[in-house]
Every structure is written in C-alpha cells, then in structure tokens.
C-alpha cells in the first residue's frame, strides 16, 4: 500500500461513521454477534466453529457496522451458506476450481492467475479492489476432484487470515442434475482501519459470492 492509503482510509472511515451516527439518532442500535446476510447465510464474529449449514436463522437486532465510539479491533469473521443448485457437482467444481477465470465474474476480483509449483502444489494470485483498497494476495489451493476446493491465504498485506472452502454433493434423487453446495469463508484483516472500512465491502462480497458462481455456471452450462 502506498503512503496515500491511510489518509484515504481514515477519510472514508470518518464519512461512513458520520453517516451511521446520523441514523443512530433515530434509534438505539444494539450489538450483536451475528449479522444475517441472506436466507441461508450468516456473517459472524468468531466465537466458536460454525456449521456449514445453519439449522435455523437467528434474527438479531440491527446495529451500525462502524462506530468510532466503540472499541476498534480486528476480529475474525466467518460466513457460511448452503444452496441446492441445478447443476451437477462436476460442473460446479469446474467453475470453482478454475481460479484463473475469477477475474471475469467474481465480485471485486480484478486479476486472477494460477501458479503451479515443481512439487505439484497450486497457488492462486488474486487482486481484489474495493475503494479505497486494492490488494494482491496469494492462496494455496487444494482440491478433491468434484467434491471440494479449499484456498488458504499464504501472504499479503491485507489479511492476517483468509480461508475459503467449497464442498459439493449430489442433490435430491429426483433431481439428478442438481447438487448441494456448501460455501464457507473465514477472514481477518491485519489493519484496524482495514478491519473497520474494508469489512463493509467484504460484507457485500460474501453475500454475492455463491450467486456469482451460480451465474457463471448458468452461462457455461444452461444451454446444455
């Protein structure tokens, strides 16, 4: 990051804090450990290991996501979502495993490329951008063909921890061309300012993630 990044982050933080504060005057937001992002997904501060498929949604009170008066900390966040999609496990595995194509359809992914090591290990280099942050990081990718794709961040200045796991299983017996998709991501930012500002954008990224891969599968396989 350049030296100009911190002033930009601080200005963005202050502006968003003021916007949230003006809304808070009309109510008394309370803190909650879990923010639900959709009918089948939840973003949560890490308290314990979360199941890949939440049994029942919990609806916490709403609160401001940024609050300068509250203690600033970098917390590990986790998100899980499960869906049954109208594609085979092989098709969805192919979409997720082709990391070099992420730049064409994954939200906020600017660049993506695969690097293969001499020992057969696979690493993915990605560049993500959401104003005012643009960062590159490298993940080690391991796969179980047609069943799982796991990526763990191994370097980068934005994350102290980033792990994503995709799992694929056959759908219902009466729907042979369907599969159950479990998506899990866990992340923690290195910087306090990144944690406060960038988490707002990452909130949107994880909400749209499964939908982006489903749309990609539709473009590739719907005509078949």
C-alpha atoms as a PDB file:
ATOM      1  CA  UNK A   1       0.000   0.000   0.000  1.00  0.00           C
ATOM      2  CA  UNK A   2       1.236   3.475  -0.732  1.00  0.00           C
ATOM      3  CA  UNK A   3       1.580   6.221   1.845  1.00  0.00           C
ATOM      4  CA  UNK A   4      -1.597   7.805   0.495  1.00  0.00           C
ATOM      5  CA  UNK A   5      -3.708   4.823   1.526  1.00  0.00           C
ATOM      6  CA  UNK A   6      -4.000   5.641   5.229  1.00  0.00           C
ATOM      7  CA  UNK A   7      -5.446   9.177   4.726  1.00  0.00           C
ATOM      8  CA  UNK A   8      -7.927   7.770   2.217  1.00  0.00           C
ATOM      9  CA  UNK A   9      -8.948   5.028   4.620  1.00  0.00           C
ATOM     10  CA  UNK A  10      -9.298   7.433   7.512  1.00  0.00           C
ATOM     11  CA  UNK A  11     -11.407   9.852   5.446  1.00  0.00           C
ATOM     12  CA  UNK A  12     -13.657   7.021   4.281  1.00  0.00           C
ATOM     13  CA  UNK A  13     -13.953   5.771   7.853  1.00  0.00           C
ATOM     14  CA  UNK A  14     -14.936   9.183   9.183  1.00  0.00           C
ATOM     15  CA  UNK A  15     -17.504   9.785   6.424  1.00  0.00           C
ATOM     16  CA  UNK A  16     -19.152   6.417   6.954  1.00  0.00           C
ATOM     17  CA  UNK A  17     -19.097   6.859  10.702  1.00  0.00           C
ATOM     18  CA  UNK A  18     -20.864  10.219  10.413  1.00  0.00           C
ATOM     19  CA  UNK A  19     -23.479   8.704   8.124  1.00  0.00           C
ATOM     20  CA  UNK A  20     -24.114   5.854  10.551  1.00  0.00           C
ATOM     21  CA  UNK A  21     -24.210   8.226  13.531  1.00  0.00           C
ATOM     22  CA  UNK A  22     -26.929  10.367  11.931  1.00  0.00           C
ATOM     23  CA  UNK A  23     -29.091   7.261  11.523  1.00  0.00           C
ATOM     24  CA  UNK A  24     -28.412   6.130  15.070  1.00  0.00           C
ATOM     25  CA  UNK A  25     -30.070   9.277  16.496  1.00  0.00           C
ATOM     26  CA  UNK A  26     -33.455   7.899  15.485  1.00  0.00           C
ATOM     27  CA  UNK A  27     -32.944   4.635  17.336  1.00  0.00           C
ATOM     28  CA  UNK A  28     -30.753   2.806  19.805  1.00  0.00           C
ATOM     29  CA  UNK A  29     -28.730   0.197  17.934  1.00  0.00           C
ATOM     30  CA  UNK A  30     -27.527  -2.763  19.949  1.00  0.00           C
ATOM     31  CA  UNK A  31     -24.550  -5.002  19.427  1.00  0.00           C
ATOM     32  CA  UNK A  32     -24.954  -8.489  18.043  1.00  0.00           C
ATOM     33  CA  UNK A  33     -22.554 -11.323  17.365  1.00  0.00           C
ATOM     34  CA  UNK A  34     -24.172 -12.410  14.093  1.00  0.00           C
ATOM     35  CA  UNK A  35     -25.249 -10.425  11.019  1.00  0.00           C
ATOM     36  CA  UNK A  36     -27.510 -12.383   8.701  1.00  0.00           C
ATOM     37  CA  UNK A  37     -26.761 -11.663   5.070  1.00  0.00           C
ATOM     38  CA  UNK A  38     -29.467 -13.735   3.437  1.00  0.00           C
ATOM     39  CA  UNK A  39     -31.967 -16.504   3.927  1.00  0.00           C
ATOM     40  CA  UNK A  40     -29.249 -19.150   4.235  1.00  0.00           C
ATOM     41  CA  UNK A  41     -26.081 -17.242   5.142  1.00  0.00           C
ATOM     42  CA  UNK A  42     -24.637 -15.551   8.195  1.00  0.00           C
ATOM     43  CA  UNK A  43     -21.579 -13.400   8.826  1.00  0.00           C
ATOM     44  CA  UNK A  44     -20.374 -13.676  12.405  1.00  0.00           C
ATOM     45  CA  UNK A  45     -17.550 -12.694  14.693  1.00  0.00           C
ATOM     46  CA  UNK A  46     -15.731 -15.888  15.535  1.00  0.00           C
ATOM     47  CA  UNK A  47     -16.884 -17.246  18.878  1.00  0.00           C
ATOM     48  CA  UNK A  48     -16.970 -20.942  18.041  1.00  0.00           C
ATOM     49  CA  UNK A  49     -16.830 -23.159  14.968  1.00  0.00           C
ATOM     50  CA  UNK A  50     -19.887 -22.565  12.814  1.00  0.00           C
ATOM     51  CA  UNK A  51     -21.669 -25.402  10.938  1.00  0.00           C
ATOM     52  CA  UNK A  52     -21.651 -25.186   7.155  1.00  0.00           C
ATOM     53  CA  UNK A  53     -25.462 -25.322   7.051  1.00  0.00           C
ATOM     54  CA  UNK A  54     -27.121 -23.329   9.873  1.00  0.00           C
ATOM     55  CA  UNK A  55     -30.117 -25.254  11.155  1.00  0.00           C
ATOM     56  CA  UNK A  56     -32.267 -22.199  11.769  1.00  0.00           C
ATOM     57  CA  UNK A  57     -31.694 -18.473  11.195  1.00  0.00           C
ATOM     58  CA  UNK A  58     -31.496 -16.091  14.109  1.00  0.00           C
ATOM     59  CA  UNK A  59     -32.583 -12.501  13.667  1.00  0.00           C
ATOM     60  CA  UNK A  60     -30.520 -10.161  15.869  1.00  0.00           C
ATOM     61  CA  UNK A  61     -31.317  -6.502  16.370  1.00  0.00           C
ATOM     62  CA  UNK A  62     -29.875  -4.155  13.780  1.00  0.00           C
ATOM     63  CA  UNK A  63     -26.834  -2.031  14.589  1.00  0.00           C
ATOM     64  CA  UNK A  64     -24.367   0.304  12.959  1.00  0.00           C
ATOM     65  CA  UNK A  65     -21.464  -1.633  11.472  1.00  0.00           C
ATOM     66  CA  UNK A  66     -18.990   1.217  12.016  1.00  0.00           C
ATOM     67  CA  UNK A  67     -18.892   3.115  15.271  1.00  0.00           C
ATOM     68  CA  UNK A  68     -15.866   5.205  16.167  1.00  0.00           C
ATOM     69  CA  UNK A  69     -17.032   5.410  19.786  1.00  0.00           C
ATOM     70  CA  UNK A  70     -16.823   1.616  20.091  1.00  0.00           C
ATOM     71  CA  UNK A  71     -13.515  -0.160  20.649  1.00  0.00           C
ATOM     72  CA  UNK A  72     -11.747  -0.857  17.363  1.00  0.00           C
ATOM     73  CA  UNK A  73     -10.431  -4.392  16.997  1.00  0.00           C
ATOM     74  CA  UNK A  74      -9.545  -6.859  14.281  1.00  0.00           C
ATOM     75  CA  UNK A  75     -11.880  -9.799  14.686  1.00  0.00           C
ATOM     76  CA  UNK A  76     -12.008 -12.983  12.683  1.00  0.00           C
ATOM     77  CA  UNK A  77     -15.254 -13.160  10.755  1.00  0.00           C
ATOM     78  CA  UNK A  78     -16.927 -16.257   9.336  1.00  0.00           C
ATOM     79  CA  UNK A  79     -19.620 -16.700   6.711  1.00  0.00           C
ATOM     80  CA  UNK A  80     -21.412 -19.871   5.674  1.00  0.00           C
ATOM     81  CA  UNK A  81     -24.047 -20.557   3.063  1.00  0.00           C
ATOM     82  CA  UNK A  82     -25.634 -23.665   1.601  1.00  0.00           C
ATOM     83  CA  UNK A  83     -27.700 -23.975  -1.562  1.00  0.00           C
ATOM     84  CA  UNK A  84     -29.061 -26.636  -3.877  1.00  0.00           C
ATOM     85  CA  UNK A  85     -28.318 -25.648  -7.471  1.00  0.00           C
ATOM     86  CA  UNK A  86     -29.463 -27.041 -10.795  1.00  0.00           C
ATOM     87  CA  UNK A  87     -26.028 -28.191 -11.899  1.00  0.00           C
ATOM     88  CA  UNK A  88     -24.038 -31.361 -11.302  1.00  0.00           C
ATOM     89  CA  UNK A  89     -21.274 -31.490  -8.679  1.00  0.00           C
ATOM     90  CA  UNK A  90     -18.776 -31.893 -11.533  1.00  0.00           C
ATOM     91  CA  UNK A  91     -19.995 -28.705 -13.212  1.00  0.00           C
ATOM     92  CA  UNK A  92     -19.896 -26.581 -10.043  1.00  0.00           C
ATOM     93  CA  UNK A  93     -16.486 -27.999  -9.101  1.00  0.00           C
ATOM     94  CA  UNK A  94     -15.155 -26.984 -12.519  1.00  0.00           C
ATOM     95  CA  UNK A  95     -16.441 -23.413 -12.081  1.00  0.00           C
ATOM     96  CA  UNK A  96     -14.873 -23.010  -8.623  1.00  0.00           C
ATOM     97  CA  UNK A  97     -11.592 -24.792  -9.393  1.00  0.00           C
ATOM     98  CA  UNK A  98     -10.823 -22.605 -12.439  1.00  0.00           C
ATOM     99  CA  UNK A  99      -9.410 -19.778 -10.350  1.00  0.00           C
ATOM    100  CA  UNK A 100      -7.790 -18.066 -13.331  1.00  0.00           C
ATOM    101  CA  UNK A 101     -11.303 -17.218 -14.565  1.00  0.00           C
ATOM    102  CA  UNK A 102     -12.341 -15.431 -11.356  1.00  0.00           C
ATOM    103  CA  UNK A 103     -11.409 -12.030 -12.766  1.00  0.00           C
ATOM    104  CA  UNK A 104     -14.276 -12.371 -15.257  1.00  0.00           C
ATOM    105  CA  UNK A 105     -17.128 -12.923 -12.789  1.00  0.00           C
ATOM    106  CA  UNK A 106     -16.169 -12.812  -9.074  1.00  0.00           C
ATOM    107  CA  UNK A 107     -17.256  -9.541  -7.394  1.00  0.00           C
ATOM    108  CA  UNK A 108     -14.385  -7.068  -6.958  1.00  0.00           C
ATOM    109  CA  UNK A 109     -11.794  -9.508  -8.340  1.00  0.00           C
ATOM    110  CA  UNK A 110      -9.591  -7.509 -10.712  1.00  0.00           C
ATOM    111  CA  UNK A 111      -6.985 -10.125 -11.616  1.00  0.00           C
ATOM    112  CA  UNK A 112      -6.534 -13.847 -11.052  1.00  0.00           C
ATOM    113  CA  UNK A 113      -3.964 -16.386 -12.156  1.00  0.00           C
ATOM    114  CA  UNK A 114      -2.840 -19.892 -11.258  1.00  0.00           C
ATOM    115  CA  UNK A 115       0.786 -20.780 -10.496  1.00  0.00           C
ATOM    116  CA  UNK A 116       1.887 -24.415 -10.297  1.00  0.00           C
ATOM    117  CA  UNK A 117       4.952 -25.396  -8.288  1.00  0.00           C
ATOM    118  CA  UNK A 118       7.502 -28.094  -9.018  1.00  0.00           C
ATOM    119  CA  UNK A 119       6.036 -30.328  -6.327  1.00  0.00           C
ATOM    120  CA  UNK A 120       2.588 -30.166  -7.886  1.00  0.00           C
ATOM    121  CA  UNK A 121       1.300 -27.561  -5.439  1.00  0.00           C
ATOM    122  CA  UNK A 122      -1.114 -24.987  -6.824  1.00  0.00           C
ATOM    123  CA  UNK A 123      -1.158 -21.337  -5.828  1.00  0.00           C
ATOM    124  CA  UNK A 124      -3.600 -18.654  -6.858  1.00  0.00           C
ATOM    125  CA  UNK A 125      -2.625 -14.988  -7.078  1.00  0.00           C
ATOM    126  CA  UNK A 126      -5.585 -12.644  -6.886  1.00  0.00           C
ATOM    127  CA  UNK A 127      -6.041  -8.895  -6.870  1.00  0.00           C
ATOM    128  CA  UNK A 128      -9.128  -7.506  -5.194  1.00  0.00           C
ATOM    129  CA  UNK A 129     -10.293  -3.922  -5.214  1.00  0.00           C
ATOM    130  CA  UNK A 130     -12.975  -2.051  -3.351  1.00  0.00           C
ATOM    131  CA  UNK A 131     -12.359   1.687  -2.840  1.00  0.00           C
ATOM    132  CA  UNK A 132     -10.098   2.820  -1.335  1.00  0.00           C
ATOM    133  CA  UNK A 133      -8.311  -0.553  -1.169  1.00  0.00           C
ATOM    134  CA  UNK A 134      -6.673  -2.556  -3.931  1.00  0.00           C
ATOM    135  CA  UNK A 135      -4.594  -5.501  -2.727  1.00  0.00           C
ATOM    136  CA  UNK A 136      -2.897  -8.612  -4.069  1.00  0.00           C
ATOM    137  CA  UNK A 137      -2.593 -11.833  -2.137  1.00  0.00           C
ATOM    138  CA  UNK A 138      -1.622 -15.443  -2.787  1.00  0.00           C
ATOM    139  CA  UNK A 139      -3.546 -18.522  -1.673  1.00  0.00           C
ATOM    140  CA  UNK A 140      -2.566 -22.170  -1.599  1.00  0.00           C
ATOM    141  CA  UNK A 141      -5.277 -24.183  -3.348  1.00  0.00           C
ATOM    142  CA  UNK A 142      -6.038 -27.841  -2.630  1.00  0.00           C
ATOM    143  CA  UNK A 143      -8.803 -29.815  -4.313  1.00  0.00           C
ATOM    144  CA  UNK A 144     -10.651 -33.090  -4.020  1.00  0.00           C
ATOM    145  CA  UNK A 145     -11.904 -33.504  -7.603  1.00  0.00           C
ATOM    146  CA  UNK A 146     -15.661 -32.918  -7.906  1.00  0.00           C
ATOM    147  CA  UNK A 147     -16.031 -32.713  -4.108  1.00  0.00           C
ATOM    148  CA  UNK A 148     -14.054 -29.834  -2.535  1.00  0.00           C
ATOM    149  CA  UNK A 149     -11.956 -26.743  -3.265  1.00  0.00           C
ATOM    150  CA  UNK A 150     -10.030 -25.134  -0.378  1.00  0.00           C
ATOM    151  CA  UNK A 151      -7.910 -21.978  -0.542  1.00  0.00           C
ATOM    152  CA  UNK A 152      -5.778 -20.545   2.289  1.00  0.00           C
ATOM    153  CA  UNK A 153      -4.057 -17.157   2.060  1.00  0.00           C
ATOM    154  CA  UNK A 154      -0.291 -17.529   2.443  1.00  0.00           C
ATOM    155  CA  UNK A 155       0.834 -13.911   2.059  1.00  0.00           C
ATOM    156  CA  UNK A 156      -0.466 -10.419   1.525  1.00  0.00           C
ATOM    157  CA  UNK A 157      -0.687  -7.157   3.431  1.00  0.00           C
ATOM    158  CA  UNK A 158      -4.485  -7.070   3.753  1.00  0.00           C
ATOM    159  CA  UNK A 159      -5.323 -10.307   5.570  1.00  0.00           C
ATOM    160  CA  UNK A 160      -3.813 -11.947   8.601  1.00  0.00           C
ATOM    161  CA  UNK A 161      -6.126 -14.885   7.866  1.00  0.00           C
ATOM    162  CA  UNK A 162      -8.262 -15.874   4.876  1.00  0.00           C
ATOM    163  CA  UNK A 163      -9.669 -19.331   4.161  1.00  0.00           C
ATOM    164  CA  UNK A 164     -12.412 -20.399   1.759  1.00  0.00           C
ATOM    165  CA  UNK A 165     -13.910 -23.866   1.393  1.00  0.00           C
ATOM    166  CA  UNK A 166     -16.374 -25.085  -1.236  1.00  0.00           C
ATOM    167  CA  UNK A 167     -17.990 -28.518  -0.902  1.00  0.00           C
ATOM    168  CA  UNK A 168     -20.147 -30.259  -3.492  1.00  0.00           C
ATOM    169  CA  UNK A 169     -22.504 -33.212  -3.090  1.00  0.00           C
ATOM    170  CA  UNK A 170     -25.242 -34.759  -5.249  1.00  0.00           C
ATOM    171  CA  UNK A 171     -28.675 -33.166  -4.948  1.00  0.00           C
ATOM    172  CA  UNK A 172     -32.000 -34.896  -4.392  1.00  0.00           C
ATOM    173  CA  UNK A 173     -32.562 -38.288  -6.028  1.00  0.00           C
ATOM    174  CA  UNK A 174     -35.454 -36.899  -8.062  1.00  0.00           C
ATOM    175  CA  UNK A 175     -33.155 -34.130  -9.355  1.00  0.00           C
ATOM    176  CA  UNK A 176     -30.183 -35.962 -10.900  1.00  0.00           C
ATOM    177  CA  UNK A 177     -28.710 -32.809 -12.453  1.00  0.00           C
ATOM    178  CA  UNK A 178     -28.510 -30.892  -9.190  1.00  0.00           C
ATOM    179  CA  UNK A 179     -26.006 -30.552  -6.371  1.00  0.00           C
ATOM    180  CA  UNK A 180     -25.767 -29.283  -2.830  1.00  0.00           C
ATOM    181  CA  UNK A 181     -23.169 -26.535  -2.489  1.00  0.00           C
ATOM    182  CA  UNK A 182     -21.660 -25.581   0.884  1.00  0.00           C
ATOM    183  CA  UNK A 183     -19.632 -22.359   0.941  1.00  0.00           C
ATOM    184  CA  UNK A 184     -17.529 -21.240   3.912  1.00  0.00           C
ATOM    185  CA  UNK A 185     -15.161 -18.291   4.304  1.00  0.00           C
ATOM    186  CA  UNK A 186     -13.202 -17.114   7.335  1.00  0.00           C
ATOM    187  CA  UNK A 187     -11.176 -13.898   7.297  1.00  0.00           C
ATOM    188  CA  UNK A 188      -9.388 -11.390   9.488  1.00  0.00           C
ATOM    189  CA  UNK A 189      -7.764  -8.122   8.434  1.00  0.00           C
ATOM    190  CA  UNK A 190      -4.293  -7.099   9.592  1.00  0.00           C
ATOM    191  CA  UNK A 191      -5.002  -3.387   9.918  1.00  0.00           C
ATOM    192  CA  UNK A 192      -7.512  -1.878  12.332  1.00  0.00           C
ATOM    193  CA  UNK A 193      -8.581   0.657   9.706  1.00  0.00           C
ATOM    194  CA  UNK A 194      -8.878  -2.058   7.080  1.00  0.00           C
ATOM    195  CA  UNK A 195     -10.981  -4.059   9.510  1.00  0.00           C
ATOM    196  CA  UNK A 196     -13.395  -1.167  10.022  1.00  0.00           C
ATOM    197  CA  UNK A 197     -13.601   0.087   6.426  1.00  0.00           C
ATOM    198  CA  UNK A 198     -12.997  -2.954   4.259  1.00  0.00           C
ATOM    199  CA  UNK A 199     -15.295  -5.285   6.197  1.00  0.00           C
ATOM    200  CA  UNK A 200     -18.249  -3.252   4.931  1.00  0.00           C
ATOM    201  CA  UNK A 201     -17.263  -4.078   1.365  1.00  0.00           C
ATOM    202  CA  UNK A 202     -16.355  -7.662   2.192  1.00  0.00           C
ATOM    203  CA  UNK A 203     -19.841  -7.990   3.658  1.00  0.00           C
ATOM    204  CA  UNK A 204     -21.199  -7.404   0.148  1.00  0.00           C
ATOM    205  CA  UNK A 205     -18.594  -9.676  -1.449  1.00  0.00           C
ATOM    206  CA  UNK A 206     -19.534 -12.737   0.607  1.00  0.00           C
ATOM    207  CA  UNK A 207     -23.259 -12.085   0.161  1.00  0.00           C
ATOM    208  CA  UNK A 208     -22.832 -12.177  -3.614  1.00  0.00           C
ATOM    209  CA  UNK A 209     -20.249 -14.951  -3.816  1.00  0.00           C
ATOM    210  CA  UNK A 210     -22.408 -18.073  -4.292  1.00  0.00           C
ATOM    211  CA  UNK A 211     -24.727 -16.157  -6.617  1.00  0.00           C
ATOM    212  CA  UNK A 212     -21.772 -15.125  -8.778  1.00  0.00           C
ATOM    213  CA  UNK A 213     -20.643 -18.740  -9.204  1.00  0.00           C
ATOM    214  CA  UNK A 214     -24.209 -19.865  -9.920  1.00  0.00           C
ATOM    215  CA  UNK A 215     -24.495 -17.187 -12.627  1.00  0.00           C
ATOM    216  CA  UNK A 216     -21.189 -18.343 -14.087  1.00  0.00           C
ATOM    217  CA  UNK A 217     -22.469 -21.921 -14.225  1.00  0.00           C
ATOM    218  CA  UNK A 218     -25.624 -20.705 -15.953  1.00  0.00           C
ATOM    219  CA  UNK A 219     -23.584 -19.027 -18.690  1.00  0.00           C
ATOM    220  CA  UNK A 220     -21.454 -22.133 -19.198  1.00  0.00           C
ATOM    221  CA  UNK A 221     -23.986 -24.948 -18.876  1.00  0.00           C
ATOM    222  CA  UNK A 222     -27.537 -23.654 -19.212  1.00  0.00           C
ATOM    223  CA  UNK A 223     -27.565 -24.199 -22.999  1.00  0.00           C
ATOM    224  CA  UNK A 224     -26.616 -27.847 -22.396  1.00  0.00           C
END
